[in-house]
Structures are given as structure tokens and as C-alpha cells.
Amino acid sequence: GAVVRAGGIHGDLGPGGVGTAADP
């Protein structure tokens, strides 16, 4: 299930890997 994370800081990713307010 190769997952690609793009953009933002991984520590700031919310549920499902979507950015939070700290990572618009």
C-alpha cells in the first residue's frame, strides 16, 4: 500500500494525512 506523503510537515498532518490549520 505504498503511500506518498506530499507537502507540509508530517508532524502537522491531521486525520487521513490532511493538513491542519498549522499546515494550510
mmCIF file of all heavy atoms, coordinates in Angstrom:
data_MODEL
# 
_entry.id   MODEL 
# 
loop_
_atom_site.group_PDB 
_atom_site.id 
_atom_site.type_symbol 
_atom_site.label_atom_id 
_atom_site.label_alt_id 
_atom_site.label_comp_id 
_atom_site.label_asym_id 
_atom_site.label_entity_id 
_atom_site.label_seq_id 
_atom_site.pdbx_PDB_ins_code 
_atom_site.Cartn_x 
_atom_site.Cartn_y 
_atom_site.Cartn_z 
_atom_site.occupancy 
_atom_site.B_iso_or_equiv 
_atom_site.pdbx_formal_charge 
_atom_site.auth_seq_id 
_atom_site.auth_comp_id 
_atom_site.auth_asym_id 
_atom_site.auth_atom_id 
_atom_site.pdbx_PDB_model_num 
ATOM 1   N N   . GLY A 1 1  ? 0.813  -1.200 0.000  1.00 0.00 ? 1  GLY A N   1 
ATOM 2   C CA  . GLY A 1 1  ? 0.000  0.000  0.000  1.00 0.00 ? 1  GLY A CA  1 
ATOM 3   C C   . GLY A 1 1  ? 0.845  1.248  0.000  1.00 0.00 ? 1  GLY A C   1 
ATOM 4   O O   . GLY A 1 1  ? 0.667  2.126  0.820  1.00 0.00 ? 1  GLY A O   1 
ATOM 5   N N   . ALA A 1 2  ? 1.793  1.301  -0.904 1.00 0.00 ? 2  ALA A N   1 
ATOM 6   C CA  . ALA A 1 2  ? 2.745  2.403  -0.954 1.00 0.00 ? 2  ALA A CA  1 
ATOM 7   C C   . ALA A 1 2  ? 2.017  3.731  -0.816 1.00 0.00 ? 2  ALA A C   1 
ATOM 8   O O   . ALA A 1 2  ? 1.128  4.038  -1.582 1.00 0.00 ? 2  ALA A O   1 
ATOM 9   C CB  . ALA A 1 2  ? 3.532  2.364  -2.255 1.00 0.00 ? 2  ALA A CB  1 
ATOM 10  N N   . VAL A 1 3  ? 2.367  4.476  0.205  1.00 0.00 ? 3  VAL A N   1 
ATOM 11  C CA  . VAL A 1 3  ? 1.722  5.753  0.479  1.00 0.00 ? 3  VAL A CA  1 
ATOM 12  C C   . VAL A 1 3  ? 2.717  6.867  0.209  1.00 0.00 ? 3  VAL A C   1 
ATOM 13  O O   . VAL A 1 3  ? 3.866  6.797  0.623  1.00 0.00 ? 3  VAL A O   1 
ATOM 14  C CB  . VAL A 1 3  ? 1.228  5.832  1.939  1.00 0.00 ? 3  VAL A CB  1 
ATOM 15  C CG1 . VAL A 1 3  ? 0.674  7.215  2.252  1.00 0.00 ? 3  VAL A CG1 1 
ATOM 16  C CG2 . VAL A 1 3  ? 0.176  4.775  2.192  1.00 0.00 ? 3  VAL A CG2 1 
ATOM 17  N N   . VAL A 1 4  ? 2.260  7.867  -0.502 1.00 0.00 ? 4  VAL A N   1 
ATOM 18  C CA  . VAL A 1 4  ? 3.081  9.030  -0.796 1.00 0.00 ? 4  VAL A CA  1 
ATOM 19  C C   . VAL A 1 4  ? 2.575  10.164 0.067  1.00 0.00 ? 4  VAL A C   1 
ATOM 20  O O   . VAL A 1 4  ? 1.391  10.469 0.070  1.00 0.00 ? 4  VAL A O   1 
ATOM 21  C CB  . VAL A 1 4  ? 2.935  9.421  -2.287 1.00 0.00 ? 4  VAL A CB  1 
ATOM 22  C CG1 . VAL A 1 4  ? 3.758  10.651 -2.586 1.00 0.00 ? 4  VAL A CG1 1 
ATOM 23  C CG2 . VAL A 1 4  ? 3.310  8.270  -3.181 1.00 0.00 ? 4  VAL A CG2 1 
ATOM 24  N N   . ARG A 1 5  ? 3.448  10.780 0.831  1.00 0.00 ? 5  ARG A N   1 
ATOM 25  C CA  . ARG A 1 5  ? 3.069  11.960 1.600  1.00 0.00 ? 5  ARG A CA  1 
ATOM 26  C C   . ARG A 1 5  ? 3.641  13.162 0.874  1.00 0.00 ? 5  ARG A C   1 
ATOM 27  O O   . ARG A 1 5  ? 4.803  13.177 0.509  1.00 0.00 ? 5  ARG A O   1 
ATOM 28  C CB  . ARG A 1 5  ? 3.628  11.879 3.007  1.00 0.00 ? 5  ARG A CB  1 
ATOM 29  C CG  . ARG A 1 5  ? 3.001  10.744 3.773  1.00 0.00 ? 5  ARG A CG  1 
ATOM 30  C CD  . ARG A 1 5  ? 2.595  11.214 5.141  1.00 0.00 ? 5  ARG A CD  1 
ATOM 31  N NE  . ARG A 1 5  ? 2.038  10.122 5.887  1.00 0.00 ? 5  ARG A NE  1 
ATOM 32  C CZ  . ARG A 1 5  ? 0.726  9.951  6.050  1.00 0.00 ? 5  ARG A CZ  1 
ATOM 33  N NH1 . ARG A 1 5  ? -0.120 10.794 5.532  1.00 0.00 ? 5  ARG A NH1 1 
ATOM 34  N NH2 . ARG A 1 5  ? 0.284  8.943  6.745  1.00 0.00 ? 5  ARG A NH2 1 
ATOM 35  N N   . ALA A 1 6  ? 2.811  14.136 0.657  1.00 0.00 ? 6  ALA A N   1 
ATOM 36  C CA  . ALA A 1 6  ? 3.259  15.308 -0.086 1.00 0.00 ? 6  ALA A CA  1 
ATOM 37  C C   . ALA A 1 6  ? 2.913  16.569 0.685  1.00 0.00 ? 6  ALA A C   1 
ATOM 38  O O   . ALA A 1 6  ? 1.819  16.699 1.212  1.00 0.00 ? 6  ALA A O   1 
ATOM 39  C CB  . ALA A 1 6  ? 2.575  15.337 -1.454 1.00 0.00 ? 6  ALA A CB  1 
ATOM 40  N N   . GLY A 1 7  ? 3.852  17.487 0.739  1.00 0.00 ? 7  GLY A N   1 
ATOM 41  C CA  . GLY A 1 7  ? 3.581  18.786 1.326  1.00 0.00 ? 7  GLY A CA  1 
ATOM 42  C C   . GLY A 1 7  ? 3.531  18.772 2.840  1.00 0.00 ? 7  GLY A C   1 
ATOM 43  O O   . GLY A 1 7  ? 3.337  17.756 3.465  1.00 0.00 ? 7  GLY A O   1 
ATOM 44  N N   . GLY A 1 8  ? 3.722  19.927 3.410  1.00 0.00 ? 8  GLY A N   1 
ATOM 45  C CA  . GLY A 1 8  ? 3.571  20.095 4.844  1.00 0.00 ? 8  GLY A CA  1 
ATOM 46  C C   . GLY A 1 8  ? 4.629  19.391 5.662  1.00 0.00 ? 8  GLY A C   1 
ATOM 47  O O   . GLY A 1 8  ? 5.536  18.767 5.149  1.00 0.00 ? 8  GLY A O   1 
ATOM 48  N N   . ILE A 1 9  ? 4.481  19.491 6.962  1.00 0.00 ? 9  ILE A N   1 
ATOM 49  C CA  . ILE A 1 9  ? 5.362  18.814 7.894  1.00 0.00 ? 9  ILE A CA  1 
ATOM 50  C C   . ILE A 1 9  ? 4.603  17.617 8.412  1.00 0.00 ? 9  ILE A C   1 
ATOM 51  O O   . ILE A 1 9  ? 3.485  17.757 8.909  1.00 0.00 ? 9  ILE A O   1 
ATOM 52  C CB  . ILE A 1 9  ? 5.745  19.767 9.050  1.00 0.00 ? 9  ILE A CB  1 
ATOM 53  C CG1 . ILE A 1 9  ? 6.462  20.995 8.481  1.00 0.00 ? 9  ILE A CG1 1 
ATOM 54  C CG2 . ILE A 1 9  ? 6.578  19.050 10.102 1.00 0.00 ? 9  ILE A CG2 1 
ATOM 55  C CD1 . ILE A 1 9  ? 6.656  22.102 9.481  1.00 0.00 ? 9  ILE A CD1 1 
ATOM 56  N N   . HIS A 1 10 ? 5.194  16.430 8.304  1.00 0.00 ? 10 HIS A N   1 
ATOM 57  C CA  . HIS A 1 10 ? 4.467  15.213 8.660  1.00 0.00 ? 10 HIS A CA  1 
ATOM 58  C C   . HIS A 1 10 ? 3.889  15.269 10.068 1.00 0.00 ? 10 HIS A C   1 
ATOM 59  O O   . HIS A 1 10 ? 2.815  14.756 10.304 1.00 0.00 ? 10 HIS A O   1 
ATOM 60  C CB  . HIS A 1 10 ? 5.358  13.980 8.488  1.00 0.00 ? 10 HIS A CB  1 
ATOM 61  C CG  . HIS A 1 10 ? 5.687  13.710 7.070  1.00 0.00 ? 10 HIS A CG  1 
ATOM 62  N ND1 . HIS A 1 10 ? 4.756  13.235 6.182  1.00 0.00 ? 10 HIS A ND1 1 
ATOM 63  C CD2 . HIS A 1 10 ? 6.833  13.877 6.364  1.00 0.00 ? 10 HIS A CD2 1 
ATOM 64  C CE1 . HIS A 1 10 ? 5.308  13.110 4.989  1.00 0.00 ? 10 HIS A CE1 1 
ATOM 65  N NE2 . HIS A 1 10 ? 6.574  13.491 5.078  1.00 0.00 ? 10 HIS A NE2 1 
ATOM 66  N N   . GLY A 1 11 ? 4.561  15.903 11.008 1.00 0.00 ? 11 GLY A N   1 
ATOM 67  C CA  . GLY A 1 11 ? 4.038  16.005 12.356 1.00 0.00 ? 11 GLY A CA  1 
ATOM 68  C C   . GLY A 1 11 ? 2.767  16.832 12.431 1.00 0.00 ? 11 GLY A C   1 
ATOM 69  O O   . GLY A 1 11 ? 2.019  16.726 13.379 1.00 0.00 ? 11 GLY A O   1 
ATOM 70  N N   . ASP A 1 12 ? 2.509  17.672 11.455 1.00 0.00 ? 12 ASP A N   1 
ATOM 71  C CA  . ASP A 1 12 ? 1.329  18.525 11.457 1.00 0.00 ? 12 ASP A CA  1 
ATOM 72  C C   . ASP A 1 12 ? 0.175  17.959 10.645 1.00 0.00 ? 12 ASP A C   1 
ATOM 73  O O   . ASP A 1 12 ? -0.824 18.621 10.459 1.00 0.00 ? 12 ASP A O   1 
ATOM 74  C CB  . ASP A 1 12 ? 1.672  19.913 10.902 1.00 0.00 ? 12 ASP A CB  1 
ATOM 75  C CG  . ASP A 1 12 ? 2.528  20.719 11.867 1.00 0.00 ? 12 ASP A CG  1 
ATOM 76  O OD1 . ASP A 1 12 ? 2.554  20.381 13.064 1.00 0.00 ? 12 ASP A OD1 1 
ATOM 77  O OD2 . ASP A 1 12 ? 3.177  21.665 11.407 1.00 0.00 ? 12 ASP A OD2 1 
ATOM 78  N N   . LEU A 1 13 ? 0.323  16.727 10.161 1.00 0.00 ? 13 LEU A N   1 
ATOM 79  C CA  . LEU A 1 13 ? -0.759 16.165 9.365  1.00 0.00 ? 13 LEU A CA  1 
ATOM 80  C C   . LEU A 1 13 ? -1.844 15.632 10.280 1.00 0.00 ? 13 LEU A C   1 
ATOM 81  O O   . LEU A 1 13 ? -1.577 14.936 11.251 1.00 0.00 ? 13 LEU A O   1 
ATOM 82  C CB  . LEU A 1 13 ? -0.243 15.057 8.455  1.00 0.00 ? 13 LEU A CB  1 
ATOM 83  C CG  . LEU A 1 13 ? 0.732  15.511 7.366  1.00 0.00 ? 13 LEU A CG  1 
ATOM 84  C CD1 . LEU A 1 13 ? 1.177  14.330 6.540  1.00 0.00 ? 13 LEU A CD1 1 
ATOM 85  C CD2 . LEU A 1 13 ? 0.107  16.567 6.479  1.00 0.00 ? 13 LEU A CD2 1 
ATOM 86  N N   . GLY A 1 14 ? -3.072 15.949 9.955  1.00 0.00 ? 14 GLY A N   1 
ATOM 87  C CA  . GLY A 1 14 ? -4.200 15.511 10.758 1.00 0.00 ? 14 GLY A CA  1 
ATOM 88  C C   . GLY A 1 14 ? -4.732 14.164 10.296 1.00 0.00 ? 14 GLY A C   1 
ATOM 89  O O   . GLY A 1 14 ? -4.052 13.419 9.596  1.00 0.00 ? 14 GLY A O   1 
ATOM 90  N N   . PRO A 1 15 ? -5.968 13.831 10.670 1.00 0.00 ? 15 PRO A N   1 
ATOM 91  C CA  . PRO A 1 15 ? -6.558 12.552 10.301 1.00 0.00 ? 15 PRO A CA  1 
ATOM 92  C C   . PRO A 1 15 ? -6.520 12.343 8.788  1.00 0.00 ? 15 PRO A C   1 
ATOM 93  O O   . PRO A 1 15 ? -6.814 13.249 8.020  1.00 0.00 ? 15 PRO A O   1 
ATOM 94  C CB  . PRO A 1 15 ? -7.999 12.671 10.801 1.00 0.00 ? 15 PRO A CB  1 
ATOM 95  C CG  . PRO A 1 15 ? -7.955 13.725 11.866 1.00 0.00 ? 15 PRO A CG  1 
ATOM 96  C CD  . PRO A 1 15 ? -6.857 14.667 11.458 1.00 0.00 ? 15 PRO A CD  1 
ATOM 97  N N   . GLY A 1 16 ? -6.140 11.150 8.385  1.00 0.00 ? 16 GLY A N   1 
ATOM 98  C CA  . GLY A 1 16 ? -6.088 10.840 6.965  1.00 0.00 ? 16 GLY A CA  1 
ATOM 99  C C   . GLY A 1 16 ? -4.943 11.506 6.240  1.00 0.00 ? 16 GLY A C   1 
ATOM 100 O O   . GLY A 1 16 ? -4.869 11.479 5.030  1.00 0.00 ? 16 GLY A O   1 
ATOM 101 N N   . GLY A 1 17 ? -4.041 12.153 6.974  1.00 0.00 ? 17 GLY A N   1 
ATOM 102 C CA  . GLY A 1 17 ? -2.888 12.778 6.346  1.00 0.00 ? 17 GLY A CA  1 
ATOM 103 C C   . GLY A 1 17 ? -3.161 14.161 5.785  1.00 0.00 ? 17 GLY A C   1 
ATOM 104 O O   . GLY A 1 17 ? -2.349 14.724 5.087  1.00 0.00 ? 17 GLY A O   1 
ATOM 105 N N   . VAL A 1 18 ? -4.326 14.738 6.067  1.00 0.00 ? 18 VAL A N   1 
ATOM 106 C CA  . VAL A 1 18 ? -4.673 16.049 5.541  1.00 0.00 ? 18 VAL A CA  1 
ATOM 107 C C   . VAL A 1 18 ? -4.130 17.111 6.485  1.00 0.00 ? 18 VAL A C   1 
ATOM 108 O O   . VAL A 1 18 ? -4.142 16.940 7.704  1.00 0.00 ? 18 VAL A O   1 
ATOM 109 C CB  . VAL A 1 18 ? -6.212 16.185 5.398  1.00 0.00 ? 18 VAL A CB  1 
ATOM 110 C CG1 . VAL A 1 18 ? -6.588 17.567 4.896  1.00 0.00 ? 18 VAL A CG1 1 
ATOM 111 C CG2 . VAL A 1 18 ? -6.725 15.124 4.445  1.00 0.00 ? 18 VAL A CG2 1 
ATOM 112 N N   . GLY A 1 19 ? -3.647 18.200 5.924  1.00 0.00 ? 19 GLY A N   1 
ATOM 113 C CA  . GLY A 1 19 ? -3.028 19.257 6.718  1.00 0.00 ? 19 GLY A CA  1 
ATOM 114 C C   . GLY A 1 19 ? -3.974 19.878 7.720  1.00 0.00 ? 19 GLY A C   1 
ATOM 115 O O   . GLY A 1 19 ? -5.185 19.906 7.530  1.00 0.00 ? 19 GLY A O   1 
ATOM 116 N N   . THR A 1 20 ? -3.407 20.371 8.795  1.00 0.00 ? 20 THR A N   1 
ATOM 117 C CA  . THR A 1 20 ? -4.182 21.057 9.820  1.00 0.00 ? 20 THR A CA  1 
ATOM 118 C C   . THR A 1 20 ? -4.046 22.557 9.613  1.00 0.00 ? 20 THR A C   1 
ATOM 119 O O   . THR A 1 20 ? -3.356 23.006 8.712  1.00 0.00 ? 20 THR A O   1 
ATOM 120 C CB  . THR A 1 20 ? -3.657 20.686 11.222 1.00 0.00 ? 20 THR A CB  1 
ATOM 121 O OG1 . THR A 1 20 ? -2.315 21.156 11.331 1.00 0.00 ? 20 THR A OG1 1 
ATOM 122 C CG2 . THR A 1 20 ? -3.716 19.193 11.459 1.00 0.00 ? 20 THR A CG2 1 
ATOM 123 N N   . ALA A 1 21 ? -4.657 23.330 10.483 1.00 0.00 ? 21 ALA A N   1 
ATOM 124 C CA  . ALA A 1 21 ? -4.578 24.784 10.366 1.00 0.00 ? 21 ALA A CA  1 
ATOM 125 C C   . ALA A 1 21 ? -3.133 25.260 10.427 1.00 0.00 ? 21 ALA A C   1 
ATOM 126 O O   . ALA A 1 21 ? -2.782 26.270 9.836  1.00 0.00 ? 21 ALA A O   1 
ATOM 127 C CB  . ALA A 1 21 ? -5.414 25.444 11.463 1.00 0.00 ? 21 ALA A CB  1 
ATOM 128 N N   . ALA A 1 22 ? -2.281 24.533 11.154 1.00 0.00 ? 22 ALA A N   1 
ATOM 129 C CA  . ALA A 1 22 ? -0.873 24.911 11.245 1.00 0.00 ? 22 ALA A CA  1 
ATOM 130 C C   . ALA A 1 22 ? -0.129 24.625 9.945  1.00 0.00 ? 22 ALA A C   1 
ATOM 131 O O   . ALA A 1 22 ? 0.993  25.037 9.769  1.00 0.00 ? 22 ALA A O   1 
ATOM 132 C CB  . ALA A 1 22 ? -0.208 24.157 12.400 1.00 0.00 ? 22 ALA A CB  1 
ATOM 133 N N   . ASP A 1 23 ? -0.763 23.911 9.036  1.00 0.00 ? 23 ASP A N   1 
ATOM 134 C CA  . ASP A 1 23 ? -0.139 23.499 7.780  1.00 0.00 ? 23 ASP A CA  1 
ATOM 135 C C   . ASP A 1 23 ? -1.128 23.712 6.634  1.00 0.00 ? 23 ASP A C   1 
ATOM 136 O O   . ASP A 1 23 ? -1.628 22.764 6.060  1.00 0.00 ? 23 ASP A O   1 
ATOM 137 C CB  . ASP A 1 23 ? 0.264  22.024 7.879  1.00 0.00 ? 23 ASP A CB  1 
ATOM 138 C CG  . ASP A 1 23 ? 1.002  21.540 6.648  1.00 0.00 ? 23 ASP A CG  1 
ATOM 139 O OD1 . ASP A 1 23 ? 1.557  22.374 5.919  1.00 0.00 ? 23 ASP A OD1 1 
ATOM 140 O OD2 . ASP A 1 23 ? 1.000  20.325 6.412  1.00 0.00 ? 23 ASP A OD2 1 
ATOM 141 N N   . PRO A 1 24 ? -1.468 24.976 6.312  1.00 0.00 ? 24 PRO A N   1 
ATOM 142 C CA  . PRO A 1 24 ? -2.536 25.260 5.362  1.00 0.00 ? 24 PRO A CA  1 
ATOM 143 C C   . PRO A 1 24 ? -2.226 24.861 3.917  1.00 0.00 ? 24 PRO A C   1 
ATOM 144 O O   . PRO A 1 24 ? -3.136 24.766 3.119  1.00 0.00 ? 24 PRO A O   1 
ATOM 145 C CB  . PRO A 1 24 ? -2.710 26.766 5.474  1.00 0.00 ? 24 PRO A CB  1 
ATOM 146 C CG  . PRO A 1 24 ? -1.377 27.268 5.935  1.00 0.00 ? 24 PRO A CG  1 
ATOM 147 C CD  . PRO A 1 24 ? -0.827 26.185 6.807  1.00 0.00 ? 24 PRO A CD  1 
# 
